[in-house]
PDB file of all heavy atoms in Angstrom:
ATOM      1  N   CYS A   1      98.054 110.005  84.660  1.00  0.00           N
ATOM      2  CA  CYS A   1      98.454 111.349  85.069  1.00  0.00           C
ATOM      3  C   CYS A   1      98.164 111.571  86.548  1.00  0.00           C
ATOM      4  O   CYS A   1      97.058 111.945  86.916  1.00  0.00           O
ATOM      5  CB  CYS A   1      97.760 112.397  84.227  1.00  0.00           C
ATOM      6  SG  CYS A   1      95.965 112.257  84.199  1.00  0.00           S
ATOM      7  N   PRO A   2      99.147 111.339  87.389  1.00  0.00           N
ATOM      8  CA  PRO A   2      98.944 111.640  88.798  1.00  0.00           C
ATOM      9  C   PRO A   2      98.558 113.111  88.960  1.00  0.00           C
ATOM     10  O   PRO A   2      99.245 113.991  88.451  1.00  0.00           O
ATOM     11  CB  PRO A   2     100.303 111.350  89.426  1.00  0.00           C
ATOM     12  CG  PRO A   2     100.991 110.437  88.474  1.00  0.00           C
ATOM     13  CD  PRO A   2     100.463 110.790  87.114  1.00  0.00           C
ATOM     14  N   ALA A   3      97.446 113.359  89.635  1.00  0.00           N
ATOM     15  CA  ALA A   3      96.892 114.712  89.710  1.00  0.00           C
ATOM     16  C   ALA A   3      97.379 115.493  90.916  1.00  0.00           C
ATOM     17  O   ALA A   3      97.496 116.703  90.864  1.00  0.00           O
ATOM     18  CB  ALA A   3      95.369 114.636  89.722  1.00  0.00           C
ATOM     19  N   GLU A   4      97.635 114.824  91.977  1.00  0.00           N
ATOM     20  CA  GLU A   4      98.005 115.498  93.207  1.00  0.00           C
ATOM     21  C   GLU A   4      99.500 115.381  93.459  1.00  0.00           C
ATOM     22  O   GLU A   4     100.166 114.485  92.949  1.00  0.00           O
ATOM     23  CB  GLU A   4      97.226 114.899  94.387  1.00  0.00           C
ATOM     24  CG  GLU A   4      95.714 114.973  94.240  1.00  0.00           C
ATOM     25  CD  GLU A   4      95.186 116.384  94.267  1.00  0.00           C
ATOM     26  OE1 GLU A   4      95.763 117.226  94.993  1.00  0.00           O
ATOM     27  OE2 GLU A   4      94.209 116.655  93.569  1.00  0.00           O
ATOM     28  N   LEU A   5     100.002 116.240  94.282  1.00  0.00           N
ATOM     29  CA  LEU A   5     101.424 116.292  94.581  1.00  0.00           C
ATOM     30  C   LEU A   5     101.981 114.958  95.054  1.00  0.00           C
ATOM     31  O   LEU A   5     103.070 114.564  94.674  1.00  0.00           O
ATOM     32  CB  LEU A   5     101.677 117.375  95.642  1.00  0.00           C
ATOM     33  CG  LEU A   5     103.116 117.572  96.104  1.00  0.00           C
ATOM     34  CD1 LEU A   5     104.010 117.968  94.930  1.00  0.00           C
ATOM     35  CD2 LEU A   5     103.172 118.624  97.187  1.00  0.00           C
ATOM     36  N   TYR A   6     101.230 114.227  95.861  1.00  0.00           N
ATOM     37  CA  TYR A   6     101.745 112.990  96.436  1.00  0.00           C
ATOM     38  C   TYR A   6     101.175 111.734  95.783  1.00  0.00           C
ATOM     39  O   TYR A   6     101.325 110.649  96.317  1.00  0.00           O
ATOM     40  CB  TYR A   6     101.493 112.970  97.948  1.00  0.00           C
ATOM     41  CG  TYR A   6     102.217 114.090  98.643  1.00  0.00           C
ATOM     42  CD1 TYR A   6     101.543 115.210  99.093  1.00  0.00           C
ATOM     43  CD2 TYR A   6     103.598 114.031  98.804  1.00  0.00           C
ATOM     44  CE1 TYR A   6     102.222 116.251  99.709  1.00  0.00           C
ATOM     45  CE2 TYR A   6     104.290 115.062  99.413  1.00  0.00           C
ATOM     46  CZ  TYR A   6     103.592 116.172  99.869  1.00  0.00           C
ATOM     47  OH  TYR A   6     104.264 117.200 100.461  1.00  0.00           O
ATOM     48  N   ASP A   7     100.557 111.855  94.612  1.00  0.00           N
ATOM     49  CA  ASP A   7     100.014 110.684  93.926  1.00  0.00           C
ATOM     50  C   ASP A   7     101.094 109.692  93.521  1.00  0.00           C
ATOM     51  O   ASP A   7     100.820 108.521  93.338  1.00  0.00           O
ATOM     52  CB  ASP A   7      99.208 111.089  92.690  1.00  0.00           C
ATOM     53  CG  ASP A   7      97.778 111.473  93.029  1.00  0.00           C
ATOM     54  OD1 ASP A   7      97.414 111.413  94.219  1.00  0.00           O
ATOM     55  OD2 ASP A   7      97.036 111.818  92.104  1.00  0.00           O
ATOM     56  N   TYR A   8     102.334 110.140  93.370  1.00  0.00           N
ATOM     57  CA  TYR A   8     103.405 109.217  93.007  1.00  0.00           C
ATOM     58  C   TYR A   8     103.540 108.105  94.044  1.00  0.00           C
ATOM     59  O   TYR A   8     103.967 107.005  93.731  1.00  0.00           O
ATOM     60  CB  TYR A   8     104.737 109.955  92.850  1.00  0.00           C
ATOM     61  CG  TYR A   8     105.339 110.417  94.162  1.00  0.00           C
ATOM     62  CD1 TYR A   8     106.210 109.594  94.869  1.00  0.00           C
ATOM     63  CD2 TYR A   8     105.016 111.663  94.694  1.00  0.00           C
ATOM     64  CE1 TYR A   8     106.749 110.008  96.080  1.00  0.00           C
ATOM     65  CE2 TYR A   8     105.553 112.076  95.895  1.00  0.00           C
ATOM     66  CZ  TYR A   8     106.411 111.250  96.590  1.00  0.00           C
ATOM     67  OH  TYR A   8     106.935 111.661  97.787  1.00  0.00           O
ATOM     68  N   GLN A   9     103.134 108.374  95.287  1.00  0.00           N
ATOM     69  CA  GLN A   9     103.205 107.348  96.323  1.00  0.00           C
ATOM     70  C   GLN A   9     102.226 106.213  96.036  1.00  0.00           C
ATOM     71  O   GLN A   9     102.506 105.064  96.342  1.00  0.00           O
ATOM     72  CB  GLN A   9     102.931 107.959  97.700  1.00  0.00           C
ATOM     73  CG  GLN A   9     104.002 108.948  98.100  1.00  0.00           C
ATOM     74  CD  GLN A   9     103.648 109.702  99.359  1.00  0.00           C
ATOM     75  OE1 GLN A   9     102.501 109.798  99.748  1.00  0.00           O
ATOM     76  NE2 GLN A   9     104.667 110.247 100.004  1.00  0.00           N
ATOM     77  N   TYR A  10     101.088 106.550  95.438  1.00  0.00           N
ATOM     78  CA  TYR A  10     100.140 105.506  95.058  1.00  0.00           C
ATOM     79  C   TYR A  10     100.703 104.668  93.923  1.00  0.00           C
ATOM     80  O   TYR A  10     100.565 103.453  93.898  1.00  0.00           O
ATOM     81  CB  TYR A  10      98.797 106.119  94.652  1.00  0.00           C
ATOM     82  CG  TYR A  10      98.011 106.636  95.818  1.00  0.00           C
ATOM     83  CD1 TYR A  10      98.113 107.964  96.223  1.00  0.00           C
ATOM     84  CD2 TYR A  10      97.178 105.794  96.542  1.00  0.00           C
ATOM     85  CE1 TYR A  10      97.396 108.438  97.304  1.00  0.00           C
ATOM     86  CE2 TYR A  10      96.459 106.252  97.624  1.00  0.00           C
ATOM     87  CZ  TYR A  10      96.578 107.578  98.001  1.00  0.00           C
ATOM     88  OH  TYR A  10      95.874 108.022  99.073  1.00  0.00           O
ATOM     89  N   LEU A  11     101.339 105.317  92.954  1.00  0.00           N
ATOM     90  CA  LEU A  11     101.933 104.573  91.844  1.00  0.00           C
ATOM     91  C   LEU A  11     103.026 103.641  92.343  1.00  0.00           C
ATOM     92  O   LEU A  11     103.262 102.580  91.777  1.00  0.00           O
ATOM     93  CB  LEU A  11     102.489 105.535  90.792  1.00  0.00           C
ATOM     94  CG  LEU A  11     101.454 106.353  90.030  1.00  0.00           C
ATOM     95  CD1 LEU A  11     102.147 107.352  89.107  1.00  0.00           C
ATOM     96  CD2 LEU A  11     100.523 105.460  89.241  1.00  0.00           C
ATOM     97  N   ALA A  12     103.692 104.016  93.412  1.00  0.00           N
ATOM     98  CA  ALA A  12     104.743 103.170  93.975  1.00  0.00           C
ATOM     99  C   ALA A  12     104.184 101.847  94.483  1.00  0.00           C
ATOM    100  O   ALA A  12     104.914 100.854  94.558  1.00  0.00           O
ATOM    101  CB  ALA A  12     105.463 103.911  95.100  1.00  0.00           C
ATOM    102  N   ALA A  13     102.894 101.807  94.821  1.00  0.00           N
ATOM    103  CA  ALA A  13     102.280 100.550  95.274  1.00  0.00           C
ATOM    104  C   ALA A  13     102.399  99.478  94.199  1.00  0.00           C
ATOM    105  O   ALA A  13     102.532  98.293  94.505  1.00  0.00           O
ATOM    106  CB  ALA A  13     100.810 100.778  95.635  1.00  0.00           C
ATOM    107  N   ALA A  14     102.373  99.882  92.937  1.00  0.00           N
ATOM    108  CA  ALA A  14     102.465  98.921  91.837  1.00  0.00           C
ATOM    109  C   ALA A  14     103.814  98.216  91.811  1.00  0.00           C
ATOM    110  O   ALA A  14     103.927  97.112  91.277  1.00  0.00           O
ATOM    111  CB  ALA A  14     102.207  99.612  90.503  1.00  0.00           C
ATOM    112  N   ALA A  15     104.830  98.811  92.403  1.00  0.00           N
ATOM    113  CA  ALA A  15     106.152  98.178  92.444  1.00  0.00           C
ATOM    114  C   ALA A  15     106.136  96.903  93.286  1.00  0.00           C
ATOM    115  O   ALA A  15     107.031  96.075  93.171  1.00  0.00           O
ATOM    116  CB  ALA A  15     107.182  99.159  92.996  1.00  0.00           C
ATOM    117  N   HIS A  16     105.121  96.750  94.117  1.00  0.00           N
ATOM    118  CA  HIS A  16     105.008  95.559  94.959  1.00  0.00           C
ATOM    119  C   HIS A  16     104.234  94.429  94.285  1.00  0.00           C
ATOM    120  O   HIS A  16     104.022  93.384  94.884  1.00  0.00           O
ATOM    121  CB  HIS A  16     104.370  95.921  96.299  1.00  0.00           C
ATOM    122  CG  HIS A  16     105.212  96.876  97.084  1.00  0.00           C
ATOM    123  ND1 HIS A  16     106.324  96.477  97.782  1.00  0.00           N
ATOM    124  CD2 HIS A  16     105.120  98.210  97.240  1.00  0.00           C
ATOM    125  CE1 HIS A  16     106.875  97.529  98.351  1.00  0.00           C
ATOM    126  NE2 HIS A  16     106.175  98.592  98.032  1.00  0.00           N
ATOM    127  N   ILE A  17     103.815  94.660  93.057  1.00  0.00           N
ATOM    128  CA  ILE A  17     103.126  93.619  92.298  1.00  0.00           C
ATOM    129  C   ILE A  17     104.190  92.778  91.604  1.00  0.00           C
ATOM    130  O   ILE A  17     104.782  93.194  90.610  1.00  0.00           O
ATOM    131  CB  ILE A  17     102.147  94.222  91.271  1.00  0.00           C
ATOM    132  CG1 ILE A  17     101.102  95.068  91.984  1.00  0.00           C
ATOM    133  CG2 ILE A  17     101.501  93.119  90.443  1.00  0.00           C
ATOM    134  CD1 ILE A  17     100.204  95.855  91.043  1.00  0.00           C
ATOM    135  N   ASN A  18     104.461  91.621  92.176  1.00  0.00           N
ATOM    136  CA  ASN A  18     105.466  90.735  91.599  1.00  0.00           C
ATOM    137  C   ASN A  18     105.140  89.301  92.007  1.00  0.00           C
ATOM    138  O   ASN A  18     104.341  89.073  92.916  1.00  0.00           O
ATOM    139  CB  ASN A  18     106.877  91.161  92.012  1.00  0.00           C
ATOM    140  CG  ASN A  18     107.113  91.047  93.488  1.00  0.00           C
ATOM    141  OD1 ASN A  18     107.070  89.954  94.049  1.00  0.00           O
ATOM    142  ND2 ASN A  18     107.365  92.184  94.148  1.00  0.00           N
ATOM    143  N   PRO A  19     105.749  88.332  91.330  1.00  0.00           N
ATOM    144  CA  PRO A  19     105.434  86.915  91.602  1.00  0.00           C
ATOM    145  C   PRO A  19     105.756  86.462  93.022  1.00  0.00           C
ATOM    146  O   PRO A  19     105.265  85.436  93.460  1.00  0.00           O
ATOM    147  CB  PRO A  19     106.286  86.150  90.587  1.00  0.00           C
ATOM    148  CG  PRO A  19     106.619  87.131  89.529  1.00  0.00           C
ATOM    149  CD  PRO A  19     106.666  88.468  90.199  1.00  0.00           C
ATOM    150  N   ASN A  20     106.552  87.217  93.749  1.00  0.00           N
ATOM    151  CA  ASN A  20     106.837  86.862  95.139  1.00  0.00           C
ATOM    152  C   ASN A  20     105.677  87.206  96.062  1.00  0.00           C
ATOM    153  O   ASN A  20     105.587  86.669  97.169  1.00  0.00           O
ATOM    154  CB  ASN A  20     108.099  87.575  95.635  1.00  0.00           C
ATOM    155  CG  ASN A  20     109.323  87.145  94.874  1.00  0.00           C
ATOM    156  OD1 ASN A  20     109.488  85.967  94.563  1.00  0.00           O
ATOM    157  ND2 ASN A  20     110.182  88.090  94.550  1.00  0.00           N
ATOM    158  N   ASN A  21     104.819  88.126  95.626  1.00  0.00           N
ATOM    159  CA  ASN A  21     103.725  88.603  96.474  1.00  0.00           C
ATOM    160  C   ASN A  21     102.346  88.091  96.064  1.00  0.00           C
ATOM    161  O   ASN A  21     101.476  87.950  96.911  1.00  0.00           O
ATOM    162  CB  ASN A  21     103.694  90.135  96.493  1.00  0.00           C
ATOM    163  CG  ASN A  21     104.929  90.727  97.106  1.00  0.00           C
ATOM    164  OD1 ASN A  21     105.519  90.138  98.005  1.00  0.00           O
ATOM    165  ND2 ASN A  21     105.341  91.890  96.634  1.00  0.00           N
ATOM    166  N   ILE A  22     102.128  87.897  94.773  1.00  0.00           N
ATOM    167  CA  ILE A  22     100.804  87.469  94.297  1.00  0.00           C
ATOM    168  C   ILE A  22     100.928  86.384  93.239  1.00  0.00           C
ATOM    169  O   ILE A  22     101.953  86.271  92.565  1.00  0.00           O
ATOM    170  CB  ILE A  22      99.971  88.651  93.752  1.00  0.00           C
ATOM    171  CG1 ILE A  22     100.632  89.291  92.536  1.00  0.00           C
ATOM    172  CG2 ILE A  22      99.697  89.680  94.841  1.00  0.00           C
ATOM    173  CD1 ILE A  22      99.768  90.323  91.845  1.00  0.00           C
ATOM    174  N   ASP A  23      99.850  85.624  93.109  1.00  0.00           N
ATOM    175  CA  ASP A  23      99.799  84.539  92.120  1.00  0.00           C
ATOM    176  C   ASP A  23      99.003  84.921  90.887  1.00  0.00           C
ATOM    177  O   ASP A  23      99.104  84.264  89.852  1.00  0.00           O
ATOM    178  CB  ASP A  23      99.188  83.293  92.768  1.00  0.00           C
ATOM    179  CG  ASP A  23     100.015  82.827  93.942  1.00  0.00           C
ATOM    180  OD1 ASP A  23     101.151  82.366  93.717  1.00  0.00           O
ATOM    181  OD2 ASP A  23      99.541  82.946  95.090  1.00  0.00           O
ATOM    182  N   GLY A  24      98.192  85.954  90.985  1.00  0.00           N
ATOM    183  CA  GLY A  24      97.381  86.425  89.874  1.00  0.00           C
ATOM    184  C   GLY A  24      96.918  87.836  90.174  1.00  0.00           C
ATOM    185  O   GLY A  24      96.869  88.253  91.338  1.00  0.00           O
ATOM    186  N   LEU A  25      96.588  88.592  89.119  1.00  0.00           N
ATOM    187  CA  LEU A  25      96.210  89.995  89.282  1.00  0.00           C
ATOM    188  C   LEU A  25      94.932  90.301  88.521  1.00  0.00           C
ATOM    189  O   LEU A  25      94.823  89.979  87.338  1.00  0.00           O
ATOM    190  CB  LEU A  25      97.340  90.903  88.785  1.00  0.00           C
ATOM    191  CG  LEU A  25      97.108  92.413  88.859  1.00  0.00           C
ATOM    192  CD1 LEU A  25      97.032  92.864  90.324  1.00  0.00           C
ATOM    193  CD2 LEU A  25      98.232  93.155  88.137  1.00  0.00           C
TER     194      LEU A  25
END
């Protein structure tokens, strides 16, 4: 539950989690 008005921007960071960027999480 994003609490603040602009918290959706933090959730957008997860869109960059992919095999092209990282090898493990």
